[in-house]
Amino acid sequence: MATADLEPVSVEQRRAWFHDRDPSRRPIWVAERDGDVVGWLSVNDFYGRAAYAPTAEVGVYVDERHRRTGVAGALLAHAIAAAPGLGLTTLLAYVFGHNAPSIALFERHGFARWGLLPAVARLDDRDADLAILGRRVP
């Protein structure tokens, strides 16, 4: 329900994605508890053309043992507060249409449903919608 990866992703496979980031523009923030990483939020380019630079997509992931404990909300609140310092005016989130907890999380943080892409993904032998949520940041 939380990711479009159909197979487990190794640390090595993520290494290039992690190192190919500009923390001053598109950071990754992590949440830790007792020295363990329990969640992360990444700020990603929305579209490759310069006019879209003030808009970014945010992706949040929380270890299933720490879901519904405030980790995702804290990461998202941090991203919203930091967005102006990153030169951002708009944040977007792409969430599977059936992922009601994630949609509710973003809505609690001022995101609204801006679009829906019906049946654009295939998960567990069924089609899945992709909801587009967005919000302007001060």
C-alpha atoms as a PDB file:
ATOM      1  CA  MET A   1       0.000   0.000   0.000  1.00  0.00           C
ATOM      2  CA  ALA A   2       2.926   2.369   0.629  1.00  0.00           C
ATOM      3  CA  THR A   3       5.333   1.989  -2.259  1.00  0.00           C
ATOM      4  CA  ALA A   4       5.279   1.217  -5.975  1.00  0.00           C
ATOM      5  CA  ASP A   5       8.334  -1.039  -5.685  1.00  0.00           C
ATOM      6  CA  LEU A   6       7.252  -4.578  -6.506  1.00  0.00           C
ATOM      7  CA  GLU A   7      10.461  -6.162  -5.200  1.00  0.00           C
ATOM      8  CA  PRO A   8      12.540  -5.307  -2.114  1.00  0.00           C
ATOM      9  CA  VAL A   9      15.076  -2.518  -2.754  1.00  0.00           C
ATOM     10  CA  SER A  10      18.597  -3.029  -1.439  1.00  0.00           C
ATOM     11  CA  VAL A  11      20.804  -0.407   0.139  1.00  0.00           C
ATOM     12  CA  GLU A  12      23.126  -0.670  -2.849  1.00  0.00           C
ATOM     13  CA  GLN A  13      20.251   0.030  -5.238  1.00  0.00           C
ATOM     14  CA  ARG A  14      19.332   3.165  -3.260  1.00  0.00           C
ATOM     15  CA  ARG A  15      22.908   4.414  -2.937  1.00  0.00           C
ATOM     16  CA  ALA A  16      22.976   6.278  -6.292  1.00  0.00           C
ATOM     17  CA  TRP A  17      19.590   7.899  -5.588  1.00  0.00           C
ATOM     18  CA  PHE A  18      20.831   9.027  -2.188  1.00  0.00           C
ATOM     19  CA  HIS A  19      24.158  10.411  -3.437  1.00  0.00           C
ATOM     20  CA  ASP A  20      22.597  12.104  -6.455  1.00  0.00           C
ATOM     21  CA  ARG A  21      20.816  14.637  -4.256  1.00  0.00           C
ATOM     22  CA  ASP A  22      21.491  18.301  -3.600  1.00  0.00           C
ATOM     23  CA  PRO A  23      20.656  18.748   0.101  1.00  0.00           C
ATOM     24  CA  SER A  24      20.416  22.511  -0.320  1.00  0.00           C
ATOM     25  CA  ARG A  25      17.579  22.072  -2.858  1.00  0.00           C
ATOM     26  CA  ARG A  26      16.148  18.550  -2.539  1.00  0.00           C
ATOM     27  CA  PRO A  27      17.012  17.134   0.884  1.00  0.00           C
ATOM     28  CA  ILE A  28      16.151  13.890   2.586  1.00  0.00           C
ATOM     29  CA  TRP A  29      15.268  14.106   6.262  1.00  0.00           C
ATOM     30  CA  VAL A  30      15.195  11.100   8.544  1.00  0.00           C
ATOM     31  CA  ALA A  31      13.416  10.431  11.806  1.00  0.00           C
ATOM     32  CA  GLU A  32      15.282   8.468  14.443  1.00  0.00           C
ATOM     33  CA  ARG A  33      14.172   6.731  17.609  1.00  0.00           C
ATOM     34  CA  ASP A  34      16.684   5.182  19.973  1.00  0.00           C
ATOM     35  CA  GLY A  35      19.387   5.462  17.300  1.00  0.00           C
ATOM     36  CA  ASP A  36      17.365   3.695  14.609  1.00  0.00           C
ATOM     37  CA  VAL A  37      16.016   5.340  11.462  1.00  0.00           C
ATOM     38  CA  VAL A  38      12.250   4.867  11.618  1.00  0.00           C
ATOM     39  CA  GLY A  39      11.193   7.047   8.689  1.00  0.00           C
ATOM     40  CA  TRP A  40      12.285   9.468   6.023  1.00  0.00           C
ATOM     41  CA  LEU A  41      10.935  12.219   3.813  1.00  0.00           C
ATOM     42  CA  SER A  42      12.466  13.150   0.486  1.00  0.00           C
ATOM     43  CA  VAL A  43      11.958  16.361  -1.465  1.00  0.00           C
ATOM     44  CA  ASN A  44      12.075  15.585  -5.179  1.00  0.00           C
ATOM     45  CA  ASP A  45      12.012  17.527  -8.422  1.00  0.00           C
ATOM     46  CA  PHE A  46       8.499  17.715  -9.830  1.00  0.00           C
ATOM     47  CA  TYR A  47       9.413  18.294 -13.455  1.00  0.00           C
ATOM     48  CA  GLY A  48      12.732  18.811 -15.160  1.00  0.00           C
ATOM     49  CA  ARG A  49      12.129  22.255 -16.641  1.00  0.00           C
ATOM     50  CA  ALA A  50      13.243  25.453 -14.905  1.00  0.00           C
ATOM     51  CA  ALA A  51       9.782  27.027 -14.640  1.00  0.00           C
ATOM     52  CA  TYR A  52       8.741  24.178 -12.316  1.00  0.00           C
ATOM     53  CA  ALA A  53      11.644  24.648  -9.877  1.00  0.00           C
ATOM     54  CA  PRO A  54       9.421  26.222  -7.156  1.00  0.00           C
ATOM     55  CA  THR A  55       7.341  23.028  -7.049  1.00  0.00           C
ATOM     56  CA  ALA A  56       8.539  19.790  -5.475  1.00  0.00           C
ATOM     57  CA  GLU A  57       7.105  16.369  -4.763  1.00  0.00           C
ATOM     58  CA  VAL A  58       7.454  14.987  -1.259  1.00  0.00           C
ATOM     59  CA  GLY A  59       7.627  11.298  -0.482  1.00  0.00           C
ATOM     60  CA  VAL A  60       7.257   9.949   3.051  1.00  0.00           C
ATOM     61  CA  TYR A  61       8.034   6.459   4.281  1.00  0.00           C
ATOM     62  CA  VAL A  62       7.733   5.172   7.858  1.00  0.00           C
ATOM     63  CA  ASP A  63       8.789   1.732   9.048  1.00  0.00           C
ATOM     64  CA  GLU A  64       5.611  -0.264   9.647  1.00  0.00           C
ATOM     65  CA  ARG A  65       6.486  -0.749  13.332  1.00  0.00           C
ATOM     66  CA  HIS A  66       6.400   3.042  13.805  1.00  0.00           C
ATOM     67  CA  ARG A  67       3.361   3.993  11.758  1.00  0.00           C
ATOM     68  CA  ARG A  68       0.611   5.994  13.438  1.00  0.00           C
ATOM     69  CA  THR A  69       3.051   7.281  16.062  1.00  0.00           C
ATOM     70  CA  GLY A  70       3.480  10.812  14.673  1.00  0.00           C
ATOM     71  CA  VAL A  71       6.658  10.159  12.682  1.00  0.00           C
ATOM     72  CA  ALA A  72       5.163  10.972   9.270  1.00  0.00           C
ATOM     73  CA  GLY A  73       3.365  14.035  10.597  1.00  0.00           C
ATOM     74  CA  ALA A  74       6.529  15.420  12.171  1.00  0.00           C
ATOM     75  CA  LEU A  75       8.508  14.880   8.963  1.00  0.00           C
ATOM     76  CA  LEU A  76       5.795  16.486   6.852  1.00  0.00           C
ATOM     77  CA  ALA A  77       5.457  19.480   9.192  1.00  0.00           C
ATOM     78  CA  HIS A  78       9.230  19.948   8.988  1.00  0.00           C
ATOM     79  CA  ALA A  79       9.141  19.844   5.176  1.00  0.00           C
ATOM     80  CA  ILE A  80       6.330  22.396   5.001  1.00  0.00           C
ATOM     81  CA  ALA A  81       8.186  24.747   7.359  1.00  0.00           C
ATOM     82  CA  ALA A  82      11.462  24.325   5.445  1.00  0.00           C
ATOM     83  CA  ALA A  83       9.922  24.710   1.971  1.00  0.00           C
ATOM     84  CA  PRO A  84      10.317  28.518   1.670  1.00  0.00           C
ATOM     85  CA  GLY A  85      14.008  28.227   2.554  1.00  0.00           C
ATOM     86  CA  LEU A  86      14.372  25.740  -0.305  1.00  0.00           C
ATOM     87  CA  GLY A  87      12.761  28.224  -2.689  1.00  0.00           C
ATOM     88  CA  LEU A  88       9.525  26.230  -2.868  1.00  0.00           C
ATOM     89  CA  THR A  89       6.027  27.630  -3.197  1.00  0.00           C
ATOM     90  CA  THR A  90       4.146  24.422  -3.938  1.00  0.00           C
ATOM     91  CA  LEU A  91       4.385  20.882  -2.568  1.00  0.00           C
ATOM     92  CA  LEU A  92       2.858  17.834  -4.242  1.00  0.00           C
ATOM     93  CA  ALA A  93       2.325  14.284  -3.053  1.00  0.00           C
ATOM     94  CA  TYR A  94       1.463  11.234  -5.119  1.00  0.00           C
ATOM     95  CA  VAL A  95      -0.465   8.681  -3.069  1.00  0.00           C
ATOM     96  CA  PHE A  96      -2.175   5.473  -4.104  1.00  0.00           C
ATOM     97  CA  GLY A  97      -5.907   6.121  -4.141  1.00  0.00           C
ATOM     98  CA  HIS A  98      -6.567   3.205  -1.764  1.00  0.00           C
ATOM     99  CA  ASN A  99      -4.049   4.468   0.835  1.00  0.00           C
ATOM    100  CA  ALA A 100      -6.569   6.262   3.041  1.00  0.00           C
ATOM    101  CA  PRO A 101      -4.169   6.762   5.996  1.00  0.00           C
ATOM    102  CA  SER A 102      -1.625   8.603   3.807  1.00  0.00           C
ATOM    103  CA  ILE A 103      -4.278  10.698   2.096  1.00  0.00           C
ATOM    104  CA  ALA A 104      -5.640  11.662   5.528  1.00  0.00           C
ATOM    105  CA  LEU A 105      -2.113  12.546   6.722  1.00  0.00           C
ATOM    106  CA  PHE A 106      -1.573  14.967   3.854  1.00  0.00           C
ATOM    107  CA  GLU A 107      -5.049  16.456   4.206  1.00  0.00           C
ATOM    108  CA  ARG A 108      -4.411  17.094   7.926  1.00  0.00           C
ATOM    109  CA  HIS A 109      -1.358  19.111   6.834  1.00  0.00           C
ATOM    110  CA  GLY A 110      -3.268  21.344   4.449  1.00  0.00           C
ATOM    111  CA  PHE A 111      -2.963  19.359   1.234  1.00  0.00           C
ATOM    112  CA  ALA A 112      -6.012  19.067  -1.027  1.00  0.00           C
ATOM    113  CA  ARG A 113      -6.810  16.597  -3.760  1.00  0.00           C
ATOM    114  CA  TRP A 114      -5.736  18.241  -6.989  1.00  0.00           C
ATOM    115  CA  GLY A 115      -6.107  15.288  -9.315  1.00  0.00           C
ATOM    116  CA  LEU A 116      -6.573  11.597  -9.851  1.00  0.00           C
ATOM    117  CA  LEU A 117      -4.886   9.302 -12.344  1.00  0.00           C
ATOM    118  CA  PRO A 118      -7.158   6.264 -12.538  1.00  0.00           C
ATOM    119  CA  ALA A 119      -5.707   2.758 -12.856  1.00  0.00           C
ATOM    120  CA  VAL A 120      -2.149   3.894 -13.670  1.00  0.00           C
ATOM    121  CA  ALA A 121      -0.424   1.265 -11.507  1.00  0.00           C
ATOM    122  CA  ARG A 122      -0.676  -2.490 -11.205  1.00  0.00           C
ATOM    123  CA  LEU A 123      -0.379  -3.911  -7.667  1.00  0.00           C
ATOM    124  CA  ASP A 124      -1.113  -7.479  -6.622  1.00  0.00           C
ATOM    125  CA  ASP A 125      -2.851  -8.194  -9.938  1.00  0.00           C
ATOM    126  CA  ARG A 126      -5.194  -5.230  -9.639  1.00  0.00           C
ATOM    127  CA  ASP A 127      -5.224  -1.719 -11.001  1.00  0.00           C
ATOM    128  CA  ALA A 128      -4.481   1.134  -8.603  1.00  0.00           C
ATOM    129  CA  ASP A 129      -5.312   4.823  -8.845  1.00  0.00           C
ATOM    130  CA  LEU A 130      -2.838   7.576  -8.056  1.00  0.00           C
ATOM    131  CA  ALA A 131      -4.154  10.582  -6.148  1.00  0.00           C
ATOM    132  CA  ILE A 132      -2.345  13.886  -6.588  1.00  0.00           C
ATOM    133  CA  LEU A 133      -2.418  16.084  -3.509  1.00  0.00           C
ATOM    134  CA  GLY A 134      -0.996  19.571  -3.327  1.00  0.00           C
ATOM    135  CA  ARG A 135      -0.662  22.660  -1.226  1.00  0.00           C
ATOM    136  CA  ARG A 136       0.852  26.100  -1.530  1.00  0.00           C
ATOM    137  CA  VAL A 137       3.390  27.064   1.095  1.00  0.00           C
ATOM    138  CA  PRO A 138       3.789  30.549   2.569  1.00  0.00           C
END
